[in-house]
Amino acid sequence: MRVSIASELTTSGVSVLLGRKQVPSRFNLLTITKHTMDTLLNIHPGEVLKLDFLEPLNITAARLARDIGVAQTRIAGIVRGERAVTPDTAVRLGRYFKTTPQLWLNLQREYDLEELQRRQGEAYEQIRAYSEKIAA
């Protein structure tokens, strides 16, 4: 079972977990709730875009692309998880959905870091923390 790890922080300060359900709120995503890598699959920003924005609002990727002034292939690639959210796309998505560009960039950063740690984890495990031991 895949679940969205995105959550929103409303103006009242209440955190609401967003998943595969339509959220009856005009507030949008602002922060990411991080769970352990063992319990959740790594969620691409395109999945958040699709499940938490496009589907609940009945917006197609083609319409979104047209409305924000980008190529349809850019949005389709993001939704399929084949393309990263760039700063330019983050600004456009933020303006369109009344979120911040940081939301989209943070989703991408979290996805990229987790993918890197999954691929390079063994190599990173070999790195030992700095110690201030005095040489004798």
N, C-alpha and C. Protein backbone atom coordinates (compact mmCIF):
# COMPACT_ATOMS: atom_id res chain seq x y z
N MET A 1 0.84 -1.18 0.00
CA MET A 1 0.00 0.00 0.00
C MET A 1 0.88 1.24 0.00
N ARG A 2 0.70 2.11 -0.98
CA ARG A 2 1.45 3.35 -1.04
C ARG A 2 0.65 4.46 -0.40
N VAL A 3 1.33 5.27 0.37
CA VAL A 3 0.67 6.41 0.98
C VAL A 3 1.49 7.65 0.70
N SER A 4 0.83 8.76 0.62
CA SER A 4 1.52 10.02 0.41
C SER A 4 2.15 10.45 1.72
N ILE A 5 3.38 10.97 1.64
CA ILE A 5 4.02 11.46 2.86
C ILE A 5 3.88 12.96 2.99
N ALA A 6 3.15 13.55 2.07
CA ALA A 6 2.99 15.00 2.13
C ALA A 6 1.94 15.37 3.15
N SER A 7 2.15 16.48 3.79
CA SER A 7 1.14 16.98 4.71
C SER A 7 1.03 18.47 4.52
N GLU A 8 -0.01 19.03 5.05
CA GLU A 8 -0.16 20.48 4.94
C GLU A 8 -0.23 21.10 6.32
N LEU A 9 0.16 22.33 6.40
CA LEU A 9 0.05 23.10 7.62
C LEU A 9 -0.92 24.23 7.33
N THR A 10 -2.08 24.17 7.92
CA THR A 10 -3.10 25.18 7.65
C THR A 10 -2.77 26.45 8.41
N THR A 11 -3.49 27.50 8.11
CA THR A 11 -3.23 28.78 8.77
C THR A 11 -3.53 28.71 10.25
N SER A 12 -4.35 27.77 10.68
CA SER A 12 -4.62 27.62 12.10
C SER A 12 -3.53 26.82 12.80
N GLY A 13 -2.55 26.31 12.04
CA GLY A 13 -1.47 25.55 12.62
C GLY A 13 -1.76 24.07 12.73
N VAL A 14 -2.89 23.62 12.21
CA VAL A 14 -3.26 22.21 12.29
C VAL A 14 -2.62 21.47 11.12
N SER A 15 -1.95 20.38 11.43
CA SER A 15 -1.32 19.58 10.39
C SER A 15 -2.31 18.51 9.93
N VAL A 16 -2.45 18.38 8.62
CA VAL A 16 -3.40 17.43 8.04
C VAL A 16 -2.63 16.51 7.10
N LEU A 17 -2.74 15.19 7.33
CA LEU A 17 -2.07 14.24 6.46
C LEU A 17 -2.88 14.09 5.19
N LEU A 18 -2.21 14.23 4.05
CA LEU A 18 -2.87 14.06 2.76
C LEU A 18 -2.50 12.71 2.20
N GLY A 19 -3.44 12.00 1.71
CA GLY A 19 -3.17 10.71 1.10
C GLY A 19 -3.85 10.62 -0.24
N ARG A 20 -4.51 9.52 -0.47
CA ARG A 20 -5.16 9.30 -1.74
C ARG A 20 -6.62 9.76 -1.72
N LYS A 21 -6.99 10.58 -0.74
CA LYS A 21 -8.35 11.07 -0.64
C LYS A 21 -8.38 12.54 -1.03
N GLN A 22 -9.54 12.97 -1.48
CA GLN A 22 -9.70 14.39 -1.75
C GLN A 22 -9.76 15.12 -0.42
N VAL A 23 -9.00 16.18 -0.33
CA VAL A 23 -8.95 16.95 0.90
C VAL A 23 -9.89 18.14 0.77
N PRO A 24 -10.91 18.21 1.62
CA PRO A 24 -11.87 19.31 1.52
C PRO A 24 -11.32 20.59 2.14
N SER A 25 -10.26 21.10 1.58
CA SER A 25 -9.63 22.29 2.10
C SER A 25 -9.06 23.09 0.95
N ARG A 26 -9.06 24.39 1.06
CA ARG A 26 -8.45 25.19 0.01
C ARG A 26 -6.97 25.41 0.29
N PHE A 27 -6.51 24.94 1.45
CA PHE A 27 -5.10 25.04 1.78
C PHE A 27 -4.34 23.96 1.03
N ASN A 28 -3.09 24.21 0.75
CA ASN A 28 -2.31 23.24 0.01
C ASN A 28 -1.10 22.80 0.81
N LEU A 29 -0.34 21.90 0.22
CA LEU A 29 0.82 21.31 0.87
C LEU A 29 1.86 22.37 1.22
N LEU A 30 2.43 22.25 2.41
CA LEU A 30 3.49 23.17 2.80
C LEU A 30 4.71 22.47 3.35
N THR A 31 4.55 21.31 3.94
CA THR A 31 5.69 20.63 4.54
C THR A 31 5.65 19.15 4.22
N ILE A 32 6.71 18.49 4.49
CA ILE A 32 6.79 17.05 4.30
C ILE A 32 6.95 16.38 5.65
N THR A 33 6.17 15.35 5.88
CA THR A 33 6.33 14.56 7.09
C THR A 33 7.20 13.38 6.72
N LYS A 34 8.33 13.21 7.37
CA LYS A 34 9.28 12.15 7.05
C LYS A 34 9.06 10.95 7.96
N HIS A 35 8.87 9.80 7.36
CA HIS A 35 8.78 8.54 8.10
C HIS A 35 10.04 7.74 7.78
N THR A 36 10.23 6.67 8.49
CA THR A 36 11.42 5.88 8.23
C THR A 36 11.38 5.28 6.84
N MET A 37 12.55 5.12 6.24
CA MET A 37 12.64 4.58 4.89
C MET A 37 12.16 3.14 4.85
N ASP A 38 12.18 2.44 6.00
CA ASP A 38 11.75 1.06 6.03
C ASP A 38 10.24 0.92 5.90
N THR A 39 9.49 1.90 6.32
CA THR A 39 8.04 1.75 6.34
C THR A 39 7.33 2.34 5.12
N LEU A 40 7.94 3.25 4.41
CA LEU A 40 7.31 3.88 3.27
C LEU A 40 8.16 3.74 2.01
N LEU A 41 7.48 3.64 0.90
CA LEU A 41 8.17 3.70 -0.38
C LEU A 41 8.56 5.15 -0.64
N ASN A 42 9.59 5.35 -1.43
CA ASN A 42 10.02 6.70 -1.76
C ASN A 42 9.00 7.30 -2.73
N ILE A 43 8.44 8.42 -2.36
CA ILE A 43 7.38 9.06 -3.15
C ILE A 43 7.97 10.17 -4.01
N HIS A 44 7.81 10.04 -5.32
CA HIS A 44 8.27 11.07 -6.26
C HIS A 44 7.31 12.26 -6.20
N PRO A 45 7.83 13.49 -6.37
CA PRO A 45 6.95 14.66 -6.37
C PRO A 45 5.82 14.56 -7.40
N GLY A 46 6.07 13.85 -8.48
CA GLY A 46 5.03 13.66 -9.49
C GLY A 46 3.83 12.90 -8.96
N GLU A 47 4.07 11.97 -8.05
CA GLU A 47 2.96 11.23 -7.46
C GLU A 47 2.14 12.13 -6.56
N VAL A 48 2.81 13.01 -5.82
CA VAL A 48 2.10 13.99 -4.99
C VAL A 48 1.29 14.91 -5.90
N LEU A 49 1.91 15.38 -6.97
CA LEU A 49 1.21 16.26 -7.92
C LEU A 49 -0.04 15.57 -8.46
N LYS A 50 0.12 14.34 -8.87
CA LYS A 50 -1.00 13.60 -9.46
C LYS A 50 -2.10 13.30 -8.44
N LEU A 51 -1.72 12.69 -7.30
CA LEU A 51 -2.72 12.19 -6.35
C LEU A 51 -3.31 13.26 -5.43
N ASP A 52 -2.52 14.28 -5.11
CA ASP A 52 -3.00 15.28 -4.16
C ASP A 52 -3.47 16.58 -4.83
N PHE A 53 -3.22 16.72 -6.12
CA PHE A 53 -3.62 17.94 -6.81
C PHE A 53 -4.42 17.66 -8.08
N LEU A 54 -3.81 17.01 -9.04
CA LEU A 54 -4.48 16.83 -10.33
C LEU A 54 -5.77 16.02 -10.23
N GLU A 55 -5.69 14.84 -9.65
CA GLU A 55 -6.88 13.99 -9.57
C GLU A 55 -8.00 14.60 -8.74
N PRO A 56 -7.73 15.09 -7.53
CA PRO A 56 -8.83 15.68 -6.74
C PRO A 56 -9.47 16.90 -7.42
N LEU A 57 -8.66 17.64 -8.17
CA LEU A 57 -9.17 18.86 -8.81
C LEU A 57 -9.64 18.61 -10.25
N ASN A 58 -9.55 17.36 -10.71
CA ASN A 58 -9.94 16.99 -12.08
C ASN A 58 -9.22 17.84 -13.12
N ILE A 59 -7.91 17.98 -12.93
CA ILE A 59 -7.06 18.72 -13.86
C ILE A 59 -6.18 17.71 -14.59
N THR A 60 -6.11 17.82 -15.90
CA THR A 60 -5.22 16.93 -16.66
C THR A 60 -3.83 17.52 -16.70
N ALA A 61 -2.85 16.68 -16.97
CA ALA A 61 -1.48 17.16 -17.12
C ALA A 61 -1.39 18.15 -18.27
N ALA A 62 -2.15 17.90 -19.33
CA ALA A 62 -2.14 18.81 -20.48
C ALA A 62 -2.68 20.20 -20.09
N ARG A 63 -3.75 20.21 -19.34
CA ARG A 63 -4.31 21.50 -18.91
C ARG A 63 -3.36 22.23 -17.98
N LEU A 64 -2.76 21.50 -17.03
CA LEU A 64 -1.80 22.12 -16.13
C LEU A 64 -0.65 22.73 -16.91
N ALA A 65 -0.10 21.95 -17.84
CA ALA A 65 1.02 22.44 -18.64
C ALA A 65 0.64 23.72 -19.39
N ARG A 66 -0.53 23.70 -20.00
CA ARG A 66 -1.00 24.88 -20.75
C ARG A 66 -1.18 26.07 -19.81
N ASP A 67 -1.80 25.83 -18.65
CA ASP A 67 -2.07 26.92 -17.71
C ASP A 67 -0.82 27.54 -17.10
N ILE A 68 0.23 26.74 -16.93
CA ILE A 68 1.46 27.30 -16.32
C ILE A 68 2.53 27.62 -17.36
N GLY A 69 2.23 27.38 -18.64
CA GLY A 69 3.13 27.80 -19.70
C GLY A 69 4.36 26.94 -19.90
N VAL A 70 4.21 25.64 -19.76
CA VAL A 70 5.32 24.72 -20.02
C VAL A 70 4.89 23.64 -20.99
N ALA A 71 5.85 22.90 -21.50
CA ALA A 71 5.54 21.81 -22.42
C ALA A 71 4.81 20.70 -21.67
N GLN A 72 3.86 20.09 -22.35
CA GLN A 72 3.11 18.99 -21.75
C GLN A 72 4.04 17.85 -21.36
N THR A 73 5.11 17.65 -22.12
CA THR A 73 6.05 16.57 -21.81
C THR A 73 6.75 16.78 -20.47
N ARG A 74 6.92 18.05 -20.07
CA ARG A 74 7.54 18.32 -18.78
C ARG A 74 6.64 17.82 -17.64
N ILE A 75 5.37 18.17 -17.70
CA ILE A 75 4.44 17.75 -16.64
C ILE A 75 4.22 16.24 -16.70
N ALA A 76 4.07 15.69 -17.89
CA ALA A 76 3.87 14.24 -18.02
C ALA A 76 5.06 13.48 -17.46
N GLY A 77 6.27 13.96 -17.71
CA GLY A 77 7.47 13.32 -17.18
C GLY A 77 7.54 13.38 -15.66
N ILE A 78 7.13 14.49 -15.10
CA ILE A 78 7.11 14.63 -13.63
C ILE A 78 6.07 13.67 -13.05
N VAL A 79 4.88 13.66 -13.62
CA VAL A 79 3.80 12.81 -13.11
C VAL A 79 4.19 11.33 -13.19
N ARG A 80 4.92 10.94 -14.25
CA ARG A 80 5.36 9.55 -14.40
C ARG A 80 6.57 9.23 -13.52
N GLY A 81 7.14 10.22 -12.87
CA GLY A 81 8.31 10.00 -12.02
C GLY A 81 9.59 9.88 -12.81
N GLU A 82 9.58 10.34 -14.04
CA GLU A 82 10.75 10.25 -14.92
C GLU A 82 11.52 11.55 -15.01
N ARG A 83 10.99 12.61 -14.46
CA ARG A 83 11.61 13.92 -14.55
C ARG A 83 11.54 14.62 -13.19
N ALA A 84 12.57 15.37 -12.89
CA ALA A 84 12.63 16.09 -11.62
C ALA A 84 11.90 17.42 -11.71
N VAL A 85 11.47 17.90 -10.57
CA VAL A 85 10.88 19.24 -10.47
C VAL A 85 12.03 20.23 -10.38
N THR A 86 12.13 21.12 -11.35
CA THR A 86 13.17 22.14 -11.38
C THR A 86 12.71 23.37 -10.60
N PRO A 87 13.62 24.27 -10.27
CA PRO A 87 13.18 25.52 -9.61
C PRO A 87 12.14 26.28 -10.43
N ASP A 88 12.30 26.31 -11.75
CA ASP A 88 11.32 26.99 -12.61
C ASP A 88 9.94 26.34 -12.48
N THR A 89 9.91 25.03 -12.55
CA THR A 89 8.63 24.32 -12.43
C THR A 89 8.05 24.52 -11.03
N ALA A 90 8.90 24.52 -10.01
CA ALA A 90 8.45 24.72 -8.63
C ALA A 90 7.76 26.07 -8.46
N VAL A 91 8.33 27.11 -9.05
CA VAL A 91 7.71 28.44 -8.96
C VAL A 91 6.35 28.43 -9.65
N ARG A 92 6.29 27.83 -10.82
CA ARG A 92 5.04 27.78 -11.58
C ARG A 92 3.97 26.98 -10.84
N LEU A 93 4.35 25.80 -10.31
CA LEU A 93 3.39 24.99 -9.56
C LEU A 93 2.93 25.72 -8.30
N GLY A 94 3.87 26.38 -7.62
CA GLY A 94 3.54 27.13 -6.42
C GLY A 94 2.52 28.23 -6.68
N ARG A 95 2.73 28.96 -7.75
CA ARG A 95 1.79 30.04 -8.09
C ARG A 95 0.43 29.48 -8.48
N TYR A 96 0.43 28.40 -9.24
CA TYR A 96 -0.81 27.83 -9.74
C TYR A 96 -1.66 27.22 -8.62
N PHE A 97 -1.02 26.46 -7.75
CA PHE A 97 -1.75 25.77 -6.69
C PHE A 97 -1.74 26.53 -5.35
N LYS A 98 -1.22 27.75 -5.35
CA LYS A 98 -1.15 28.58 -4.15
C LYS A 98 -0.37 27.89 -3.04
N THR A 99 0.75 27.31 -3.41
CA THR A 99 1.69 26.74 -2.45
C THR A 99 2.98 27.54 -2.57
N THR A 100 4.02 27.07 -1.93
CA THR A 100 5.31 27.73 -2.09
C THR A 100 6.16 26.92 -3.05
N PRO A 101 7.09 27.56 -3.73
CA PRO A 101 8.03 26.80 -4.56
C PRO A 101 8.85 25.83 -3.70
N GLN A 102 9.09 26.22 -2.45
CA GLN A 102 9.87 25.37 -1.55
C GLN A 102 9.20 24.01 -1.33
N LEU A 103 7.89 23.98 -1.32
CA LEU A 103 7.19 22.70 -1.18
C LEU A 103 7.67 21.73 -2.26
N TRP A 104 7.62 22.17 -3.49
CA TRP A 104 7.95 21.30 -4.62
C TRP A 104 9.43 20.95 -4.64
N LEU A 105 10.27 21.92 -4.31
CA LEU A 105 11.71 21.65 -4.26
C LEU A 105 12.06 20.72 -3.09
N ASN A 106 11.38 20.88 -1.97
CA ASN A 106 11.61 19.99 -0.82
C ASN A 106 11.17 18.57 -1.13
N LEU A 107 10.04 18.42 -1.80
CA LEU A 107 9.60 17.09 -2.22
C LEU A 107 10.66 16.44 -3.10
N GLN A 108 11.20 17.21 -4.05
CA GLN A 108 12.21 16.68 -4.96
C GLN A 108 13.49 16.36 -4.21
N ARG A 109 13.90 17.26 -3.31
CA ARG A 109 15.13 17.03 -2.55
C ARG A 109 15.03 15.78 -1.69
N GLU A 110 13.91 15.62 -1.00
CA GLU A 110 13.71 14.43 -0.17
C GLU A 110 13.73 13.16 -1.01
N TYR A 111 13.09 13.21 -2.17
CA TYR A 111 13.07 12.05 -3.06
C TYR A 111 14.50 11.72 -3.52
N ASP A 112 15.22 12.73 -3.97
CA ASP A 112 16.59 12.53 -4.46
C ASP A 112 17.51 11.99 -3.38
N LEU A 113 17.44 12.55 -2.17
CA LEU A 113 18.29 12.08 -1.07
C LEU A 113 18.00 10.63 -0.72
N GLU A 114 16.73 10.28 -0.64
CA GLU A 114 16.39 8.91 -0.30
C GLU A 114 16.84 7.93 -1.39
N GLU A 115 16.68 8.32 -2.64
CA GLU A 115 17.14 7.46 -3.74
C GLU A 115 18.66 7.27 -3.67
N LEU A 116 19.38 8.35 -3.42
CA LEU A 116 20.82 8.28 -3.32
C LEU A 116 21.25 7.38 -2.16
N GLN A 117 20.61 7.54 -1.01
CA GLN A 117 20.96 6.72 0.15
C GLN A 117 20.64 5.24 -0.09
N ARG A 118 19.58 4.98 -0.82
CA ARG A 118 19.26 3.58 -1.14
C ARG A 118 20.29 2.98 -2.09
N ARG A 119 20.75 3.77 -3.05
CA ARG A 119 21.73 3.26 -4.03
C ARG A 119 23.14 3.19 -3.45
N GLN A 120 23.51 4.17 -2.64
CA GLN A 120 24.88 4.29 -2.16
C GLN A 120 25.02 3.97 -0.66
N GLY A 121 23.98 3.44 -0.06
CA GLY A 121 23.95 3.23 1.39
C GLY A 121 25.15 2.49 1.94
N GLU A 122 25.56 1.42 1.28
CA GLU A 122 26.70 0.64 1.79
C GLU A 122 27.98 1.46 1.78
N ALA A 123 28.17 2.25 0.75
CA ALA A 123 29.36 3.11 0.69
C ALA A 123 29.33 4.16 1.80
N TYR A 124 28.16 4.72 2.06
CA TYR A 124 28.04 5.72 3.12
C TYR A 124 28.25 5.12 4.50
N GLU A 125 27.89 3.86 4.67
CA GLU A 125 28.08 3.19 5.95
C GLU A 125 29.56 3.05 6.30
N GLN A 126 30.43 3.09 5.32
CA GLN A 126 31.87 2.96 5.53
C GLN A 126 32.49 4.25 6.07
N ILE A 127 31.78 5.36 5.96
CA ILE A 127 32.29 6.65 6.42
C ILE A 127 32.09 6.75 7.93
N ARG A 128 33.18 7.01 8.63
CA ARG A 128 33.13 7.15 10.08
C ARG A 128 33.11 8.62 10.45
N ALA A 129 32.39 8.94 11.50
CA ALA A 129 32.28 10.32 11.97
C ALA A 129 33.63 10.83 12.46
N TYR A 130 33.86 12.10 12.31
CA TYR A 130 35.07 12.75 12.78
C TYR A 130 35.17 12.60 14.28
N SER A 131 36.37 12.34 14.74
CA SER A 131 36.62 12.22 16.17
C SER A 131 37.80 13.11 16.51
N GLU A 132 37.74 13.80 17.63
CA GLU A 132 38.80 14.71 18.04
C GLU A 132 39.86 14.01 18.91
N LYS A 133 40.13 12.80 18.60
CA LYS A 133 41.17 12.09 19.35
C LYS A 133 42.51 12.77 19.12
N ILE A 134 43.24 12.94 20.21
CA ILE A 134 44.56 13.55 20.13
C ILE A 134 45.57 12.49 19.79
N ALA A 135 46.34 12.76 18.74
CA ALA A 135 47.36 11.81 18.34
C ALA A 135 48.45 11.73 19.42
N ALA A 136 48.86 10.53 19.73
CA ALA A 136 49.87 10.34 20.78
C ALA A 136 51.27 10.44 20.24
